[in-house]
Amino acid sequence: MTGTENPLRRLVALRRIEVLTQVIVLILAVAWLRIPLDVVPMAAVITLLAGVNLATQWRLDRGRPVSEREVFAHLLIDAVILTLLLYFAGGSANPFISLFLLPPTLAAALLPARHAWAMAGITLLAYTFLMFWKLPLPPPQGDLARFDELLARATGAAGEHAAHGSSFALHVLGMWLNFLISVGVVAFFVTRMAAALRARERELSATREEALRNEQILSLGTLAAGAAHQLGTPLGTMAVVLREIELNHGDDAGLKEDILLLREQVDRCKQTISQILASTGQGRDDSLHSLPLDAYLYRLLDDWQIIRPHAQIHMRLDGPQPAPQIAAERTLEQALLNLLDNAADANGSCPEALRCAATWDAEACRIEILDRGPGIDESHRNRLGTAFFSTKNDPRGRPLGLGIGLFLSNATIERFGGQVELFNRDDPPGGACTRVTLPLNRLKV
């Protein structure tokens, strides 16, 4: 058992309430009701419990794991302390005797069944012990006797008062106070436990979703590696054919420009495939190159323009200079390229160029990609970023995309502690904004 919400921390919080309540009850019994109790040993027992609680808090602050046996030992300490206090205050006749229900209840909620049954047996033995060995509560005297008689009349227990002897009405009052304390403690503990269970359920749900997404990413990675291996030969053949066409038709200026573009695209594909195959099994530090953040973004944009030579984009950078040095994995570069591709596809034939704005400070970098496409359909918003869901369709409604670009970009950027947000722009011409927020502490050299 570890963490800030472990059971021992909750026991420490409950024990603070327990110590405070015991001090208040002892002061009221002695100073106000003037019951002649053995104050010194009872105060010593309460002080001992407070000292144990302080030592436990110090031990928790050191951050060491908490075992089930340790939690059980602390519940046993609470049961022993309660037994000693009740021994000096009437034993089983004390109205607070039902507080013995709390240790086994807490053990049942926090620990395995064997510990709960053991605590139930221990508290039963303590209860039985107090039936035969205890210091009796002295009868009320003077004003206390008159107060007892007044309570008996007010509660309608005058007959029972005569039958059971003195102090019966005070016993009823003590039972009421005991119920009040028990209800408060149980409500506090149960609500905290319910909140902890809900938080644990949310964590388990998030973990299951992350495991499912990781399985999908692993499957896609395996398919990508296989495809990269198979595409090497066709791309090599295309490069040879383009070279022969260039040699045979080098004097055609228009064709030469198209051949040059095709060669750049083929070389880019071969480079990407080589990077995929070369990075398999490569450690993070082996694939990193240090660059200033602004230089990294400019290089990223240049690489993207090779892939999308006809797309127009305006870049604006804003941040303190010199820009921080970063070392980003190639996967982050690919994630950002995917987002640029999506924005360019959405922009379509719109004459207005894409806009990309990047700002940074000492803590984070924020990149916004603005397009003038049709925007985000509200009915699709919750499914954006999930695997194999695409909003790219031809005029007949047939899908044009596989739906994995945004999914992989989301997963990659979240792995760096970042976030991807997609929302519609507010200005009348419309369009969408893709916002990427990246914490620099995961990227800085």
Protein backbone atom coordinates (compact mmCIF):
# COMPACT_ATOMS: atom_id res chain seq x y z
CA MET A 1 0.00 0.00 0.00
CA THR A 2 1.53 3.26 -1.15
CA GLY A 3 0.53 6.77 -2.16
CA THR A 4 -1.06 9.77 -0.54
CA GLU A 5 -4.43 7.98 -0.25
CA ASN A 6 -3.25 4.86 1.58
CA PRO A 7 -5.36 3.58 4.50
CA LEU A 8 -2.87 4.62 7.18
CA ARG A 9 -3.24 8.28 6.19
CA ARG A 10 -6.99 8.02 6.63
CA LEU A 11 -6.49 6.37 10.03
CA VAL A 12 -4.22 9.24 11.08
CA ALA A 13 -6.91 11.76 10.08
CA LEU A 14 -9.58 9.82 11.98
CA ARG A 15 -7.32 9.50 15.00
CA ARG A 16 -6.93 13.28 15.20
CA ILE A 17 -10.70 13.51 15.55
CA GLU A 18 -10.60 10.68 18.10
CA VAL A 19 -7.99 12.39 20.30
CA LEU A 20 -9.80 15.75 20.14
CA THR A 21 -13.12 14.13 21.06
CA GLN A 22 -11.61 12.21 23.99
CA VAL A 23 -10.05 15.39 25.38
CA ILE A 24 -13.35 17.31 25.10
CA VAL A 25 -15.40 14.51 26.74
CA LEU A 26 -12.88 14.15 29.59
CA ILE A 27 -12.89 17.91 30.26
CA LEU A 28 -16.72 18.08 30.20
CA ALA A 29 -17.06 15.07 32.51
CA VAL A 30 -14.60 16.44 35.08
CA ALA A 31 -15.01 20.22 34.87
CA TRP A 32 -18.72 20.58 34.03
CA LEU A 33 -20.45 17.41 35.26
CA ARG A 34 -17.92 17.05 38.11
CA ILE A 35 -17.69 13.28 37.82
CA PRO A 36 -14.73 12.16 39.99
CA LEU A 37 -12.79 10.18 37.36
CA ASP A 38 -9.14 9.10 37.54
CA VAL A 39 -7.97 11.97 35.35
CA VAL A 40 -4.22 11.30 35.48
CA PRO A 41 -4.18 7.77 33.96
CA MET A 42 -6.89 8.69 31.44
CA ALA A 43 -4.99 11.83 30.35
CA ALA A 44 -1.82 9.74 30.09
CA VAL A 45 -3.60 7.24 27.80
CA ILE A 46 -4.90 10.05 25.55
CA THR A 47 -1.43 11.62 25.44
CA LEU A 48 0.04 8.26 24.45
CA LEU A 49 -2.45 7.98 21.58
CA ALA A 50 -1.60 11.51 20.42
CA GLY A 51 2.12 10.65 20.51
CA VAL A 52 1.54 7.49 18.46
CA ASN A 53 -0.37 9.57 15.90
CA LEU A 54 2.44 12.13 15.60
CA ALA A 55 5.00 9.35 15.16
CA THR A 56 2.81 7.74 12.49
CA GLN A 57 2.51 11.03 10.61
CA TRP A 58 6.30 11.43 10.70
CA ARG A 59 6.69 7.88 9.40
CA LEU A 60 4.25 8.54 6.53
CA ASP A 61 6.09 11.71 5.53
CA ARG A 62 9.20 9.62 4.87
CA GLY A 63 7.32 7.95 2.00
CA ARG A 64 7.95 4.31 2.83
CA PRO A 65 5.36 1.68 1.78
CA VAL A 66 2.63 0.73 4.25
CA SER A 67 1.89 -2.97 4.80
CA GLU A 68 -1.42 -4.57 5.77
CA ARG A 69 0.12 -5.76 9.05
CA GLU A 70 1.07 -2.20 9.92
CA VAL A 71 -2.49 -0.96 9.34
CA PHE A 72 -3.81 -3.84 11.49
CA ALA A 73 -1.31 -2.96 14.25
CA HIS A 74 -2.59 0.62 14.34
CA LEU A 75 -6.20 -0.55 14.58
CA LEU A 76 -5.12 -2.81 17.44
CA ILE A 77 -3.54 0.20 19.19
CA ASP A 78 -6.83 2.09 18.88
CA ALA A 79 -8.74 -0.85 20.38
CA VAL A 80 -6.30 -1.10 23.32
CA ILE A 81 -6.50 2.66 23.99
CA LEU A 82 -10.32 2.52 23.99
CA THR A 83 -10.22 -0.45 26.38
CA LEU A 84 -8.00 1.42 28.85
CA LEU A 85 -10.18 4.55 28.77
CA LEU A 86 -13.38 2.56 29.30
CA TYR A 87 -11.73 0.61 32.15
CA PHE A 88 -11.35 3.87 34.10
CA ALA A 89 -14.88 5.04 33.19
CA GLY A 90 -17.38 2.31 33.96
CA GLY A 91 -16.37 -0.48 31.59
CA SER A 92 -19.22 -2.07 29.64
CA ALA A 93 -21.77 0.22 31.39
CA ASN A 94 -20.23 3.25 29.68
CA PRO A 95 -22.42 4.46 26.78
CA PHE A 96 -19.32 4.76 24.56
CA ILE A 97 -18.82 0.99 24.64
CA SER A 98 -20.28 0.70 21.13
CA LEU A 99 -17.20 2.49 19.78
CA PHE A 100 -15.68 -1.00 19.77
CA LEU A 101 -17.58 -1.46 16.48
CA LEU A 102 -15.28 0.97 14.67
CA PRO A 103 -11.99 -1.04 14.66
CA PRO A 104 -13.53 -4.19 13.08
CA THR A 105 -15.53 -2.02 10.66
CA LEU A 106 -12.39 -0.23 9.50
CA ALA A 107 -10.51 -3.53 9.30
CA ALA A 108 -13.28 -5.01 7.12
CA ALA A 109 -13.12 -1.99 4.79
CA LEU A 110 -9.34 -1.69 4.57
CA LEU A 111 -7.87 -5.16 5.08
CA PRO A 112 -8.38 -8.80 4.03
CA ALA A 113 -11.06 -10.86 5.75
CA ARG A 114 -8.63 -12.63 8.12
CA HIS A 115 -7.63 -9.29 9.65
CA ALA A 116 -11.27 -8.20 10.00
CA TRP A 117 -12.19 -11.42 11.83
CA ALA A 118 -9.12 -11.14 14.04
CA MET A 119 -10.07 -7.58 15.00
CA ALA A 120 -13.66 -8.67 15.67
CA GLY A 121 -12.39 -11.35 18.07
CA ILE A 122 -10.05 -8.91 19.84
CA THR A 123 -12.76 -6.28 20.40
CA LEU A 124 -15.18 -8.99 21.62
CA LEU A 125 -12.61 -10.11 24.19
CA ALA A 126 -12.08 -6.49 25.26
CA TYR A 127 -15.84 -5.96 25.64
CA THR A 128 -16.13 -9.18 27.70
CA PHE A 129 -13.17 -8.14 29.86
CA LEU A 130 -14.83 -4.79 30.65
CA MET A 131 -18.01 -6.53 31.77
CA PHE A 132 -16.14 -8.00 34.78
CA TRP A 133 -13.12 -5.77 35.37
CA LYS A 134 -13.53 -1.98 35.46
CA LEU A 135 -13.70 1.01 37.76
CA PRO A 136 -17.41 1.87 38.19
CA LEU A 137 -18.70 5.32 37.39
CA PRO A 138 -19.52 7.17 40.62
CA PRO A 139 -23.21 8.18 41.08
CA PRO A 140 -24.18 11.80 40.36
CA GLN A 141 -24.02 14.18 43.32
CA GLY A 142 -25.60 17.58 44.04
CA ASP A 143 -26.35 19.60 40.91
CA LEU A 144 -25.43 16.59 38.79
CA ALA A 145 -28.11 14.49 40.52
CA ARG A 146 -30.74 17.18 39.88
CA PHE A 147 -29.56 17.42 36.26
CA ASP A 148 -29.90 13.64 35.97
CA GLU A 149 -33.45 13.83 37.33
CA LEU A 150 -34.30 16.63 34.87
CA LEU A 151 -33.01 14.57 31.95
CA ALA A 152 -35.01 11.57 33.15
CA ARG A 153 -38.22 13.60 33.11
CA ALA A 154 -37.42 15.24 29.75
CA THR A 155 -36.72 11.89 28.10
CA GLY A 156 -39.71 10.18 29.74
CA ALA A 157 -37.46 7.69 31.50
CA ALA A 158 -38.41 8.44 35.11
CA GLY A 159 -39.70 4.88 35.72
CA GLU A 160 -36.62 3.31 34.20
CA HIS A 161 -34.56 5.80 36.22
CA ALA A 162 -35.96 4.41 39.45
CA ALA A 163 -35.58 0.80 38.36
CA HIS A 164 -31.99 1.03 37.15
CA GLY A 165 -30.68 3.30 39.85
CA SER A 166 -29.04 6.65 39.48
CA SER A 167 -27.46 8.18 36.40
CA PHE A 168 -29.73 6.45 33.87
CA ALA A 169 -30.66 9.68 32.08
CA LEU A 170 -26.98 10.61 31.80
CA HIS A 171 -26.45 7.19 30.30
CA VAL A 172 -29.10 8.01 27.67
CA LEU A 173 -27.40 11.35 27.00
CA GLY A 174 -24.05 9.60 26.62
CA MET A 175 -25.56 7.11 24.18
CA TRP A 176 -26.90 10.02 22.10
CA LEU A 177 -23.49 11.70 22.07
CA ASN A 178 -21.86 8.40 21.19
CA PHE A 179 -24.26 7.97 18.28
CA LEU A 180 -23.49 11.50 17.09
CA ILE A 181 -19.75 10.83 17.11
CA SER A 182 -20.13 7.40 15.49
CA VAL A 183 -22.33 8.77 12.71
CA GLY A 184 -19.83 11.56 12.03
CA VAL A 185 -16.86 9.19 11.91
CA VAL A 186 -18.64 6.63 9.73
CA ALA A 187 -19.92 9.30 7.33
CA PHE A 188 -16.44 10.85 7.06
CA PHE A 189 -14.76 7.53 6.48
CA VAL A 190 -17.33 6.06 4.08
CA THR A 191 -17.44 9.20 1.89
CA ARG A 192 -13.64 9.23 1.68
CA MET A 193 -13.61 5.54 0.83
CA ALA A 194 -16.30 6.01 -1.84
CA ALA A 195 -14.33 8.89 -3.37
CA ALA A 196 -11.16 6.77 -3.37
CA LEU A 197 -13.01 3.90 -5.05
CA ARG A 198 -14.39 6.21 -7.72
CA ALA A 199 -10.93 7.65 -8.33
CA ARG A 200 -9.49 4.13 -8.58
CA GLU A 201 -12.19 3.15 -11.06
CA ARG A 202 -11.39 6.19 -13.21
CA GLU A 203 -7.68 5.30 -13.11
CA LEU A 204 -8.42 1.70 -14.11
CA SER A 205 -10.64 2.86 -16.95
CA ALA A 206 -7.96 5.24 -18.21
CA THR A 207 -5.36 2.46 -17.93
CA ARG A 208 -7.54 0.06 -19.92
CA GLU A 209 -8.06 2.67 -22.64
CA GLU A 210 -4.33 3.40 -22.77
CA ALA A 211 -3.52 -0.32 -23.02
CA LEU A 212 -6.01 -0.70 -25.87
CA ARG A 213 -4.53 2.30 -27.67
CA ASN A 214 -1.00 0.94 -27.18
CA GLU A 215 -2.10 -2.36 -28.71
CA GLN A 216 -3.47 -0.50 -31.72
CA ILE A 217 -0.26 1.51 -32.05
CA LEU A 218 1.83 -1.66 -31.84
CA SER A 219 -0.25 -3.27 -34.57
CA LEU A 220 0.10 -0.20 -36.77
CA GLY A 221 3.84 -0.09 -36.09
CA THR A 222 4.20 -3.73 -37.13
CA LEU A 223 2.22 -3.11 -40.32
CA ALA A 224 4.25 0.04 -41.05
CA ALA A 225 7.56 -1.81 -40.67
CA GLY A 226 6.34 -4.55 -43.02
CA ALA A 227 5.09 -2.02 -45.56
CA ALA A 228 8.37 -0.08 -45.37
CA HIS A 229 10.30 -3.26 -46.14
CA GLN A 230 8.05 -4.14 -49.09
CA LEU A 231 8.05 -0.62 -50.59
CA GLY A 232 11.84 -0.47 -50.90
CA THR A 233 11.95 -2.43 -54.18
CA PRO A 234 9.17 -0.52 -56.03
CA LEU A 235 10.66 2.82 -55.00
CA GLY A 236 14.09 1.72 -56.21
CA THR A 237 12.54 0.70 -59.54
CA MET A 238 10.78 4.08 -59.81
CA ALA A 239 14.06 5.90 -59.15
CA VAL A 240 15.79 3.94 -61.95
CA VAL A 241 12.94 4.58 -64.40
CA LEU A 242 12.89 8.30 -63.58
CA ARG A 243 16.64 8.44 -64.17
CA GLU A 244 16.26 6.82 -67.58
CA ILE A 245 13.43 9.21 -68.51
CA GLU A 246 15.60 12.14 -67.45
CA LEU A 247 18.46 10.92 -69.63
CA ASN A 248 16.23 10.31 -72.64
CA HIS A 249 14.13 13.51 -72.37
CA GLY A 250 16.51 15.92 -70.64
CA ASP A 251 15.98 18.57 -73.33
CA ASP A 252 12.22 18.92 -72.57
CA ALA A 253 12.07 21.80 -70.04
CA GLY A 254 8.46 21.16 -68.94
CA LEU A 255 8.99 17.43 -68.52
CA LYS A 256 12.28 18.01 -66.74
CA GLU A 257 10.55 20.05 -64.03
CA ASP A 258 7.98 17.30 -63.47
CA ILE A 259 10.71 14.64 -63.37
CA LEU A 260 12.63 16.68 -60.79
CA LEU A 261 9.51 16.90 -58.60
CA LEU A 262 8.91 13.17 -58.89
CA ARG A 263 12.54 12.42 -58.00
CA GLU A 264 12.26 14.61 -54.90
CA GLN A 265 9.09 12.77 -53.85
CA VAL A 266 10.66 9.34 -54.43
CA ASP A 267 13.81 10.33 -52.55
CA ARG A 268 11.67 11.61 -49.69
CA CYS A 269 9.77 8.32 -49.55
CA LYS A 270 13.00 6.30 -49.60
CA GLN A 271 14.45 8.50 -46.86
CA THR A 272 11.35 8.05 -44.70
CA ILE A 273 11.40 4.26 -45.16
CA SER A 274 15.11 4.13 -44.34
CA GLN A 275 14.48 6.13 -41.17
CA ILE A 276 11.68 3.77 -40.12
CA LEU A 277 13.83 0.69 -40.60
CA ALA A 278 16.96 2.26 -39.09
CA SER A 279 15.16 3.48 -35.98
CA THR A 280 13.74 0.05 -35.12
CA GLY A 281 15.18 -0.90 -31.75
CA GLN A 282 17.12 2.35 -31.55
CA GLY A 283 17.25 4.07 -28.16
CA ARG A 284 15.86 7.53 -27.69
CA ASP A 285 19.25 9.18 -27.20
CA ASP A 286 20.61 7.62 -30.42
CA SER A 287 18.08 9.40 -32.63
CA LEU A 288 18.18 12.90 -31.10
CA HIS A 289 19.86 15.97 -32.52
CA SER A 290 20.01 19.22 -30.60
CA LEU A 291 18.50 22.27 -32.31
CA PRO A 292 17.09 25.65 -31.23
CA LEU A 293 13.31 25.47 -31.12
CA ASP A 294 12.82 28.04 -33.90
CA ALA A 295 15.34 26.26 -36.17
CA TYR A 296 13.57 22.95 -35.48
CA LEU A 297 10.21 24.42 -36.53
CA TYR A 298 11.65 25.99 -39.69
CA ARG A 299 13.30 22.70 -40.65
CA LEU A 300 10.03 20.89 -40.00
CA LEU A 301 8.21 23.27 -42.32
CA ASP A 302 10.86 22.87 -45.04
CA ASP A 303 10.52 19.09 -44.88
CA TRP A 304 6.75 19.39 -45.14
CA GLN A 305 6.99 21.68 -48.17
CA ILE A 306 8.93 18.95 -49.98
CA ILE A 307 6.01 16.59 -49.35
CA ARG A 308 3.37 19.22 -50.20
CA PRO A 309 5.10 21.51 -52.71
CA HIS A 310 1.85 23.14 -53.88
CA ALA A 311 0.55 23.94 -50.38
CA GLN A 312 0.99 27.53 -49.22
CA ILE A 313 1.68 28.28 -45.57
CA HIS A 314 2.74 31.33 -43.57
CA MET A 315 4.77 30.72 -40.43
CA ARG A 316 4.99 33.14 -37.52
CA LEU A 317 7.23 32.52 -34.49
CA ASP A 318 7.01 34.44 -31.25
CA GLY A 319 9.08 33.73 -28.16
CA PRO A 320 12.10 34.88 -26.17
CA GLN A 321 15.45 34.67 -27.91
CA PRO A 322 17.66 32.79 -27.99
CA ALA A 323 15.14 29.97 -28.39
CA PRO A 324 15.61 26.99 -26.06
CA GLN A 325 17.66 24.04 -27.29
CA ILE A 326 15.53 20.94 -27.81
CA ALA A 327 16.19 17.36 -28.82
CA ALA A 328 13.00 15.78 -30.17
CA GLU A 329 12.52 12.24 -31.38
CA ARG A 330 11.63 11.67 -35.02
CA THR A 331 8.20 10.46 -33.93
CA LEU A 332 7.30 13.96 -32.75
CA GLU A 333 8.33 15.40 -36.12
CA GLN A 334 6.11 12.88 -37.89
CA ALA A 335 3.19 13.72 -35.59
CA LEU A 336 3.45 17.42 -36.43
CA LEU A 337 3.77 16.63 -40.15
CA ASN A 338 0.55 14.60 -39.94
CA LEU A 339 -1.28 17.55 -38.42
CA LEU A 340 0.02 19.87 -41.16
CA ASP A 341 -1.16 17.34 -43.77
CA ASN A 342 -4.63 17.22 -42.23
CA ALA A 343 -4.88 21.02 -42.23
CA ALA A 344 -3.72 21.19 -45.87
CA ASP A 345 -6.28 18.54 -46.87
CA ALA A 346 -9.02 20.47 -45.09
CA ASN A 347 -7.94 23.73 -46.73
CA GLY A 348 -8.37 22.08 -50.11
CA SER A 349 -8.57 24.53 -53.01
CA CYS A 350 -9.08 27.57 -50.78
CA PRO A 351 -6.93 30.41 -52.14
CA GLU A 352 -6.02 31.58 -48.64
CA ALA A 353 -2.81 30.00 -47.38
CA LEU A 354 -2.51 27.98 -44.20
CA ARG A 355 -1.24 29.89 -41.20
CA CYS A 356 1.02 28.39 -38.54
CA ALA A 357 1.83 30.34 -35.38
CA ALA A 358 4.22 29.08 -32.71
CA THR A 359 4.79 30.75 -29.34
CA TRP A 360 6.91 29.60 -26.43
CA ASP A 361 8.12 30.57 -22.99
CA ALA A 362 10.32 28.89 -20.41
CA GLU A 363 7.74 26.16 -19.72
CA ALA A 364 5.87 25.25 -22.89
CA CYS A 365 5.52 25.69 -26.63
CA ARG A 366 2.15 26.20 -28.31
CA ILE A 367 1.66 25.64 -32.04
CA GLU A 368 -1.55 26.63 -33.83
CA ILE A 369 -2.33 25.52 -37.41
CA LEU A 370 -5.20 27.52 -38.97
CA ASP A 371 -7.07 26.44 -42.09
CA ARG A 372 -10.11 27.68 -44.04
CA GLY A 373 -11.74 24.31 -44.52
CA PRO A 374 -15.32 23.30 -43.67
CA GLY A 375 -14.52 23.11 -39.96
CA ILE A 376 -15.34 20.36 -37.48
CA ASP A 377 -18.73 18.69 -37.52
CA GLU A 378 -20.10 18.60 -33.97
CA SER A 379 -21.42 15.07 -34.50
CA HIS A 380 -17.85 13.87 -35.21
CA ARG A 381 -16.08 15.82 -32.46
CA ASN A 382 -16.04 13.00 -29.88
CA ARG A 383 -14.63 10.49 -32.39
CA LEU A 384 -11.80 12.65 -33.69
CA GLY A 385 -8.43 11.14 -32.81
CA THR A 386 -9.71 7.57 -32.51
CA ALA A 387 -8.22 4.85 -34.69
CA PHE A 388 -9.65 4.23 -38.16
CA PHE A 389 -12.10 7.15 -38.09
CA SER A 390 -11.65 9.68 -40.89
CA THR A 391 -13.67 12.69 -42.01
CA LYS A 392 -11.96 12.76 -45.44
CA ASN A 393 -14.49 11.61 -48.03
CA ASP A 394 -14.87 12.01 -51.77
CA PRO A 395 -18.02 13.61 -53.29
CA ARG A 396 -19.72 10.19 -53.20
CA GLY A 397 -19.05 9.77 -49.51
CA ARG A 398 -16.33 7.14 -49.88
CA PRO A 399 -13.47 7.51 -47.35
CA LEU A 400 -10.23 8.99 -48.66
CA GLY A 401 -8.22 8.53 -45.46
CA LEU A 402 -7.39 5.62 -43.17
CA GLY A 403 -8.07 7.56 -39.96
CA ILE A 404 -4.71 6.85 -38.34
CA GLY A 405 -2.84 10.17 -38.84
CA LEU A 406 -4.59 12.12 -36.10
CA PHE A 407 -4.73 9.01 -33.90
CA LEU A 408 -0.95 8.51 -34.05
CA SER A 409 -0.27 12.24 -33.65
CA ASN A 410 -2.46 12.33 -30.56
CA ALA A 411 -0.74 9.31 -29.04
CA THR A 412 2.75 10.63 -29.79
CA ILE A 413 2.17 14.13 -28.43
CA GLU A 414 0.47 12.79 -25.29
CA ARG A 415 3.52 10.57 -24.75
CA PHE A 416 5.57 13.77 -24.50
CA GLY A 417 3.10 15.17 -21.95
CA GLY A 418 1.45 17.41 -24.55
CA GLN A 419 -2.08 17.89 -25.83
CA VAL A 420 -3.81 18.23 -29.21
CA GLU A 421 -6.97 20.34 -29.44
CA LEU A 422 -9.19 20.78 -32.52
CA PHE A 423 -11.90 23.42 -32.62
CA ASN A 424 -13.64 25.71 -35.09
CA ARG A 425 -12.37 29.23 -35.64
CA ASP A 426 -14.53 32.11 -34.45
CA ASP A 427 -14.16 34.47 -37.43
CA PRO A 428 -16.89 34.47 -40.14
CA PRO A 429 -14.90 32.83 -43.00
CA GLY A 430 -14.78 29.68 -40.88
CA GLY A 431 -12.20 26.95 -40.74
CA ALA A 432 -10.57 24.98 -37.96
CA CYS A 433 -7.68 25.44 -35.58
CA THR A 434 -5.35 22.63 -34.53
CA ARG A 435 -3.56 23.57 -31.33
CA VAL A 436 -0.60 21.59 -30.01
CA THR A 437 0.75 22.28 -26.52
CA LEU A 438 4.11 20.74 -25.63
CA PRO A 439 5.90 21.00 -22.27
CA LEU A 440 9.51 21.95 -22.96
CA ASN A 441 10.91 20.10 -19.95
CA ARG A 442 10.46 16.85 -21.94
CA LEU A 443 12.29 18.28 -24.96
CA LYS A 444 15.01 20.55 -23.62
CA VAL A 445 18.62 19.48 -23.88
